Amino acid sequence: MNIKISQSNIDFSNFIGRKVIEILPIGKDLINVIFDKGSLNVECSWRLRDKQGLIIGTTERKETDRLSIIKQHLVDTSITEIYHFEPTDDMIIAFKNDTYLDLFSDSSIFEQYQLYNGEDIFLIG
């Protein structure tokens, strides 16, 4: 049984140092992260964590203001690294404040996310 998941060889160096300027809701659970150049449209399960553990995730209670919490931690924060894994297309985006946005592919039918470099699509997961 081969269950190996490995980091891809995609070069994300163009995204390092980009700052989150806004986070917009997409429907009830999904988000669009706007960078100073480009964006990330998240259509899969996600979680935000730091060194101490989980901060917030997609499936919090309905009364939890996920958008305010994720904005509090990511707006005006720069990307320090992006990790992309094959064959699942899971992604981890590390930020300067030691916060991590984890994206989990959760469908074999739908796209998980779209990462834009400026106006151009860079990666569809």
Foldseek 3Di string as FASTA:
>chain_A
DDPDKDWDPDDPVLQFFWAFAAWDDDPQQWIWTDTPAWIKGFDAWKFKAAPVGTDDTRPDDSPDPVRVSVCVVGHGWGWHDKTAMPDFRWIWTATPVRMIMTFGDDDPPDWGMWTTGHPHTDDID
